[in-house]
């Protein structure tokens, strides 16, 4: 059972906002844009910098309204600037470690977000905390992370000019990042558990056009990442035959899915067996009244930038309707 503020002693209170949004990815920023346009005082708390997962994408080609590709960082900057222009307050480098649902009247009607010695009060809250990259959990992975093991092709591709790189995964992210890697690397080896890629056909077709620069190991998995001070190779096991083989390489990029960043929400809102937040299918409300979830952290989401934006819009408008039905209370934001 989560501790209450009384259990932990007095914590300096911040201003009370109409909406507190945790997470400044596509979902959180979209929610901030719509909340502020509804004249709701809005605070966005972000543990790193605005943008979320989109910052690791070199080229976004399927976001509505952009006929030409746009960089993930540029898209994030545009969304953040738009939210700020409408009046949202974005605070970066704030790690929220727990939230506390309303407990009663007065300040007790607020939903509290705790970050270190500070607490932030909202009459409503939108959880847009996103997800993080899943790990392989094989020998050598943790030790060699940063020394040839990477989870961001956009960030690290230039280090692999004319090198051989192993890409683990077979979905959209793996192929998109792999195609970006090929701007630098001379050769890729894909390792995927499936019998075929799970990515969009346009990406599969583009990869096929790369010819002998790409080798694929279907129905296979990486069992070990080998190297002393840097990656020198991997061991790949065929799941049908159980045969293993060593493959020399200069780097390993892992794209095997996402894990929701909801450890601080256990026991507060309902989660599914994988840790994603359960919400109402239409309103996106969580099990706690006044709290919504949006984007990759929500169970059942399609994990696309455009759908994350849609989630943020829905959550913001639902928060507006919720606040209209509450006892009128003037926000204390200066």
Protein backbone atom coordinates (compact mmCIF):
# COMPACT_ATOMS: atom_id res chain seq x y z
CA UNK A 1 0.00 0.00 0.00
CA UNK A 2 1.53 3.37 -1.03
CA UNK A 3 2.67 5.70 1.74
CA UNK A 4 0.70 8.89 2.22
CA UNK A 5 2.21 12.35 2.53
CA UNK A 6 1.52 12.17 6.28
CA UNK A 7 3.54 8.97 6.54
CA UNK A 8 6.55 10.66 4.97
CA UNK A 9 6.24 14.00 6.77
CA UNK A 10 5.55 17.47 5.33
CA UNK A 11 6.57 18.06 1.73
CA UNK A 12 6.65 21.56 0.21
CA UNK A 13 3.61 21.96 -2.00
CA UNK A 14 3.72 23.48 -5.45
CA UNK A 15 0.91 25.41 -7.12
CA UNK A 16 -2.31 23.58 -7.91
CA UNK A 17 -2.87 23.07 -11.63
CA UNK A 18 -5.97 22.04 -13.50
CA UNK A 19 -3.99 19.31 -15.25
CA UNK A 20 -0.66 17.72 -14.35
CA UNK A 21 0.79 15.65 -17.19
CA UNK A 22 3.56 13.18 -16.38
CA UNK A 23 5.68 12.61 -19.46
CA UNK A 24 6.52 14.89 -22.39
CA UNK A 25 6.48 12.49 -25.30
CA UNK A 26 4.10 12.82 -28.25
CA UNK A 27 1.11 11.87 -26.07
CA UNK A 28 1.97 14.21 -23.21
CA UNK A 29 2.76 17.19 -25.44
CA UNK A 30 -0.41 16.67 -27.50
CA UNK A 31 -2.41 16.58 -24.26
CA UNK A 32 -0.72 19.79 -23.13
CA UNK A 33 -1.62 21.57 -26.39
CA UNK A 34 -5.30 20.67 -26.09
CA UNK A 35 -5.51 21.27 -22.34
CA UNK A 36 -4.05 24.76 -22.59
CA UNK A 37 -6.28 25.63 -25.53
CA UNK A 38 -9.19 24.78 -23.24
CA UNK A 39 -7.79 27.38 -20.83
CA UNK A 40 -6.75 24.78 -18.29
CA UNK A 41 -3.64 25.56 -16.30
CA UNK A 42 -1.26 22.79 -17.34
CA UNK A 43 2.02 21.48 -15.95
CA UNK A 44 4.10 18.87 -17.79
CA UNK A 45 6.73 16.94 -15.82
CA UNK A 46 9.44 15.16 -17.83
CA UNK A 47 12.26 13.06 -16.39
CA UNK A 48 14.63 13.85 -19.26
CA UNK A 49 13.86 16.20 -22.16
CA UNK A 50 10.64 16.70 -24.15
CA UNK A 51 10.12 14.21 -26.96
CA UNK A 52 10.22 10.74 -25.45
CA UNK A 53 10.83 7.79 -27.80
CA UNK A 54 10.45 9.95 -30.91
CA UNK A 55 13.83 11.51 -30.12
CA UNK A 56 15.50 8.23 -31.10
CA UNK A 57 13.84 8.17 -34.54
CA UNK A 58 15.90 9.67 -37.34
CA UNK A 59 13.08 9.94 -39.84
CA UNK A 60 9.32 10.15 -39.29
CA UNK A 61 7.41 9.56 -42.52
CA UNK A 62 3.89 8.67 -41.37
CA UNK A 63 2.91 11.56 -39.10
CA UNK A 64 -0.13 13.30 -40.64
CA UNK A 65 0.53 16.70 -42.15
CA UNK A 66 4.17 16.11 -43.07
CA UNK A 67 4.42 14.98 -46.70
CA UNK A 68 8.22 15.03 -46.42
CA UNK A 69 10.07 13.12 -43.69
CA UNK A 70 10.76 15.01 -40.48
CA UNK A 71 13.37 14.20 -37.83
CA UNK A 72 12.08 12.96 -34.51
CA UNK A 73 13.90 15.69 -32.60
CA UNK A 74 12.47 18.41 -34.83
CA UNK A 75 8.94 17.04 -34.42
CA UNK A 76 9.37 16.98 -30.64
CA UNK A 77 10.68 20.56 -30.62
CA UNK A 78 7.70 21.73 -32.65
CA UNK A 79 5.20 20.07 -30.33
CA UNK A 80 6.91 21.43 -27.20
CA UNK A 81 7.04 24.95 -28.65
CA UNK A 82 3.38 24.74 -29.59
CA UNK A 83 2.40 23.64 -26.07
CA UNK A 84 4.44 26.42 -24.47
CA UNK A 85 2.98 29.02 -26.85
CA UNK A 86 -0.52 28.11 -25.64
CA UNK A 87 0.58 28.44 -22.01
CA UNK A 88 1.78 25.02 -20.84
CA UNK A 89 4.58 24.91 -18.29
CA UNK A 90 7.12 22.17 -19.06
CA UNK A 91 9.61 21.16 -16.38
CA UNK A 92 12.39 18.80 -17.45
CA UNK A 93 14.73 16.65 -15.37
CA UNK A 94 11.95 15.81 -12.90
CA UNK A 95 11.63 12.13 -11.98
CA UNK A 96 8.19 11.40 -10.53
CA UNK A 97 8.49 8.48 -8.12
CA UNK A 98 4.89 8.10 -6.97
CA UNK A 99 1.42 9.59 -7.25
CA UNK A 100 -1.29 9.79 -4.64
CA UNK A 101 -5.01 9.84 -5.56
CA UNK A 102 -7.42 12.32 -3.94
CA UNK A 103 -8.07 11.64 -0.26
CA UNK A 104 -10.85 14.08 0.70
CA UNK A 105 -11.85 17.73 0.64
CA UNK A 106 -9.74 20.83 0.08
CA UNK A 107 -6.19 20.00 -0.95
CA UNK A 108 -7.16 16.39 -0.46
CA UNK A 109 -9.21 16.66 -3.65
CA UNK A 110 -5.96 17.07 -5.61
CA UNK A 111 -3.93 14.30 -7.19
CA UNK A 112 -0.34 14.54 -6.00
CA UNK A 113 2.82 13.72 -7.92
CA UNK A 114 5.98 13.34 -5.85
CA UNK A 115 9.48 14.01 -7.18
CA UNK A 116 12.26 14.05 -4.61
CA UNK A 117 11.44 16.66 -1.98
CA UNK A 118 8.78 18.31 -4.11
CA UNK A 119 5.15 17.54 -4.74
CA UNK A 120 2.97 18.76 -7.56
CA UNK A 121 -0.81 19.13 -7.24
CA UNK A 122 -3.34 18.66 -10.01
CA UNK A 123 -7.10 18.68 -10.08
CA UNK A 124 -6.66 16.04 -12.77
CA UNK A 125 -3.73 14.05 -14.12
CA UNK A 126 -2.64 12.45 -17.39
CA UNK A 127 -0.11 9.62 -17.29
CA UNK A 128 1.99 9.68 -20.45
CA UNK A 129 5.18 8.18 -19.06
CA UNK A 130 5.85 5.95 -22.05
CA UNK A 131 8.03 2.87 -22.20
CA UNK A 132 11.68 1.87 -22.39
CA UNK A 133 13.56 -0.58 -24.59
CA UNK A 134 13.45 -4.20 -23.53
CA UNK A 135 16.74 -5.98 -22.99
CA UNK A 136 17.81 -9.41 -24.21
CA UNK A 137 19.11 -10.40 -20.75
CA UNK A 138 21.93 -12.50 -22.22
CA UNK A 139 25.56 -12.77 -21.08
CA UNK A 140 27.64 -9.81 -22.16
CA UNK A 141 24.74 -7.44 -22.84
CA UNK A 142 24.91 -5.32 -19.73
CA UNK A 143 28.71 -5.31 -19.56
CA UNK A 144 29.08 -4.18 -23.18
CA UNK A 145 26.23 -1.65 -23.27
CA UNK A 146 27.85 1.50 -24.55
CA UNK A 147 30.77 -0.52 -25.90
CA UNK A 148 29.06 -1.92 -28.96
CA UNK A 149 25.62 -2.75 -27.55
CA UNK A 150 23.06 -0.07 -28.33
CA UNK A 151 19.30 0.49 -28.32
CA UNK A 152 19.29 3.61 -30.50
CA UNK A 153 20.39 3.46 -34.12
CA UNK A 154 19.72 7.16 -34.57
CA UNK A 155 22.11 7.97 -31.75
CA UNK A 156 24.95 5.57 -32.50
CA UNK A 157 24.87 4.71 -36.22
CA UNK A 158 27.76 7.06 -37.15
CA UNK A 159 30.11 5.00 -34.96
CA UNK A 160 29.67 2.01 -37.26
CA UNK A 161 30.81 3.36 -40.59
CA UNK A 162 31.94 0.46 -42.81
CA UNK A 163 31.28 -2.01 -39.97
CA UNK A 164 29.24 -5.20 -39.62
CA UNK A 165 26.29 -4.79 -37.26
CA UNK A 166 23.83 -7.33 -35.83
CA UNK A 167 20.26 -6.08 -35.43
CA UNK A 168 18.01 -8.06 -33.06
CA UNK A 169 14.30 -7.75 -33.79
CA UNK A 170 11.88 -7.96 -36.68
CA UNK A 171 9.27 -5.24 -36.18
CA UNK A 172 8.90 -1.72 -37.54
CA UNK A 173 11.46 -0.22 -35.19
CA UNK A 174 14.08 -2.85 -36.01
CA UNK A 175 13.74 -2.38 -39.76
CA UNK A 176 13.48 1.39 -39.61
CA UNK A 177 16.56 1.64 -37.43
CA UNK A 178 18.33 -0.99 -39.52
CA UNK A 179 17.78 1.01 -42.69
CA UNK A 180 19.21 4.05 -40.93
CA UNK A 181 22.24 2.01 -39.85
CA UNK A 182 22.87 1.07 -43.47
CA UNK A 183 23.66 4.71 -44.18
CA UNK A 184 26.88 4.00 -42.28
CA UNK A 185 27.40 0.26 -41.77
CA UNK A 186 28.61 -1.90 -44.65
CA UNK A 187 26.61 -4.97 -43.63
CA UNK A 188 23.72 -5.97 -41.36
CA UNK A 189 22.67 -9.31 -39.94
CA UNK A 190 19.09 -9.40 -38.66
CA UNK A 191 18.20 -11.91 -35.95
CA UNK A 192 14.49 -12.42 -35.30
CA UNK A 193 12.44 -15.10 -33.55
CA UNK A 194 9.72 -15.11 -36.20
CA UNK A 195 9.60 -16.87 -39.55
CA UNK A 196 9.10 -13.50 -41.24
CA UNK A 197 9.44 -9.82 -40.44
CA UNK A 198 6.50 -8.24 -38.57
CA UNK A 199 7.15 -4.79 -40.00
CA UNK A 200 5.16 -2.74 -42.49
CA UNK A 201 5.50 -4.04 -46.04
CA UNK A 202 7.04 -0.78 -47.22
CA UNK A 203 9.95 -1.31 -44.81
CA UNK A 204 10.31 -4.98 -45.77
CA UNK A 205 10.45 -4.02 -49.44
CA UNK A 206 13.02 -1.31 -48.81
CA UNK A 207 15.18 -3.74 -46.86
CA UNK A 208 14.97 -6.28 -49.69
CA UNK A 209 16.37 -3.68 -52.05
CA UNK A 210 19.59 -3.59 -50.04
CA UNK A 211 20.67 -6.90 -51.60
CA UNK A 212 23.65 -8.72 -50.14
CA UNK A 213 24.30 -5.96 -47.61
CA UNK A 214 21.64 -7.66 -45.46
CA UNK A 215 21.53 -11.22 -44.10
CA UNK A 216 18.59 -12.50 -42.05
CA UNK A 217 18.48 -15.27 -39.46
CA UNK A 218 14.81 -16.15 -38.99
CA UNK A 219 13.61 -18.38 -36.12
CA UNK A 220 16.75 -17.43 -34.25
CA UNK A 221 17.87 -15.70 -31.10
CA UNK A 222 21.07 -14.21 -29.71
CA UNK A 223 22.27 -16.23 -26.72
CA UNK A 224 25.45 -14.31 -25.90
CA UNK A 225 27.25 -11.11 -26.81
CA UNK A 226 30.98 -11.70 -26.97
CA UNK A 227 33.86 -9.33 -26.34
CA UNK A 228 36.31 -8.13 -23.73
CA UNK A 229 36.39 -4.33 -23.89
CA UNK A 230 34.02 -4.00 -26.86
CA UNK A 231 31.65 -6.14 -28.92
CA UNK A 232 33.49 -8.67 -31.02
CA UNK A 233 30.65 -11.01 -31.95
CA UNK A 234 27.50 -12.85 -30.93
CA UNK A 235 26.31 -16.41 -30.60
CA UNK A 236 23.10 -17.13 -32.53
CA UNK A 237 20.86 -20.12 -31.84
CA UNK A 238 18.36 -21.48 -34.35
CA UNK A 239 15.18 -22.22 -32.37
CA UNK A 240 14.15 -25.05 -34.72
CA UNK A 241 17.39 -27.03 -34.69
CA UNK A 242 18.96 -25.71 -31.47
CA UNK A 243 22.20 -25.32 -33.38
CA UNK A 244 24.38 -22.40 -32.33
CA UNK A 245 26.93 -20.53 -34.38
CA UNK A 246 29.32 -17.66 -33.66
CA UNK A 247 29.02 -14.54 -35.79
CA UNK A 248 31.75 -11.90 -35.73
CA UNK A 249 30.45 -8.32 -35.67
CA UNK A 250 31.35 -4.83 -34.50
CA UNK A 251 28.08 -3.88 -32.83
CA UNK A 252 24.71 -5.18 -31.65
CA UNK A 253 21.53 -3.10 -31.84
CA UNK A 254 18.57 -4.43 -29.86
CA UNK A 255 14.98 -3.64 -30.88
CA UNK A 256 12.78 -6.25 -29.19
CA UNK A 257 9.93 -4.19 -27.87
CA UNK A 258 9.08 -1.86 -25.04
CA UNK A 259 8.54 -2.17 -21.30
CA UNK A 260 6.13 0.35 -19.68
CA UNK A 261 7.61 2.74 -17.13
CA UNK A 262 4.92 2.04 -14.56
CA UNK A 263 6.85 0.64 -11.59
CA UNK A 264 5.82 3.67 -9.49
CA UNK A 265 2.14 3.15 -10.34
CA UNK A 266 1.70 -0.38 -8.96
CA UNK A 267 -1.10 -0.43 -6.43
CA UNK A 268 -2.31 3.00 -7.56
CA UNK A 269 -3.92 2.38 -10.96
CA UNK A 270 -4.87 -0.97 -12.49
CA UNK A 271 -2.18 -2.51 -14.71
CA UNK A 272 -2.25 -5.53 -17.01
CA UNK A 273 0.06 -8.53 -16.61
CA UNK A 274 2.84 -6.76 -18.54
CA UNK A 275 2.57 -3.54 -16.56
CA UNK A 276 0.67 -1.43 -19.08
CA UNK A 277 -2.09 0.82 -17.71
CA UNK A 278 -5.65 -0.43 -18.15
CA UNK A 279 -8.04 2.26 -19.34
CA UNK A 280 -11.59 2.70 -20.54
CA UNK A 281 -11.55 1.96 -24.27
CA UNK A 282 -13.15 5.27 -25.26
CA UNK A 283 -12.37 7.81 -22.53
CA UNK A 284 -8.90 6.47 -21.58
CA UNK A 285 -9.71 6.96 -17.90
CA UNK A 286 -7.77 4.74 -15.53
CA UNK A 287 -9.21 2.97 -12.50
CA UNK A 288 -8.74 6.23 -10.55
CA UNK A 289 -11.29 8.99 -11.28
CA UNK A 290 -9.58 12.10 -12.58
CA UNK A 291 -6.57 10.19 -13.91
CA UNK A 292 -6.12 9.25 -17.57
CA UNK A 293 -3.41 7.39 -19.47
CA UNK A 294 -2.18 8.19 -22.98
CA UNK A 295 0.37 6.85 -25.44
CA UNK A 296 2.66 3.83 -25.30
CA UNK A 297 2.07 3.25 -21.58
CA UNK A 298 -1.59 2.40 -22.15
CA UNK A 299 -2.65 -1.22 -22.64
CA UNK A 300 -3.85 -1.88 -26.17
CA UNK A 301 -2.21 1.09 -27.82
CA UNK A 302 -0.77 0.69 -31.32
CA UNK A 303 2.49 2.43 -30.31
CA UNK A 304 2.55 4.87 -33.19
CA UNK A 305 3.30 8.59 -33.01
CA UNK A 306 -0.05 9.51 -34.55
CA UNK A 307 -2.08 7.31 -32.19
CA UNK A 308 -0.10 8.66 -29.21
CA UNK A 309 -1.09 12.17 -30.27
CA UNK A 310 -4.72 11.05 -30.53
CA UNK A 311 -4.56 9.55 -27.04
CA UNK A 312 -3.22 12.83 -25.67
CA UNK A 313 -6.04 14.79 -27.29
CA UNK A 314 -8.71 12.44 -25.92
CA UNK A 315 -7.23 12.49 -22.41
CA UNK A 316 -7.06 16.30 -22.35
CA UNK A 317 -10.65 16.72 -23.51
CA UNK A 318 -11.88 14.11 -21.02
CA UNK A 319 -10.02 15.96 -18.26
CA UNK A 320 -11.79 19.16 -19.29
CA UNK A 321 -15.20 17.46 -19.02
CA UNK A 322 -14.26 15.96 -15.66
CA UNK A 323 -13.24 19.35 -14.27
CA UNK A 324 -16.47 20.97 -15.47
CA UNK A 325 -18.40 18.49 -13.35
CA UNK A 326 -16.37 19.12 -10.20
CA UNK A 327 -17.06 21.74 -7.56
CA UNK A 328 -15.60 24.98 -9.01
CA UNK A 329 -12.14 25.61 -7.69
CA UNK A 330 -9.83 28.33 -8.87
CA UNK A 331 -6.34 27.14 -9.77
CA UNK A 332 -3.56 28.61 -7.64
CA UNK A 333 -1.05 28.99 -10.45
CA UNK A 334 0.34 32.54 -10.39
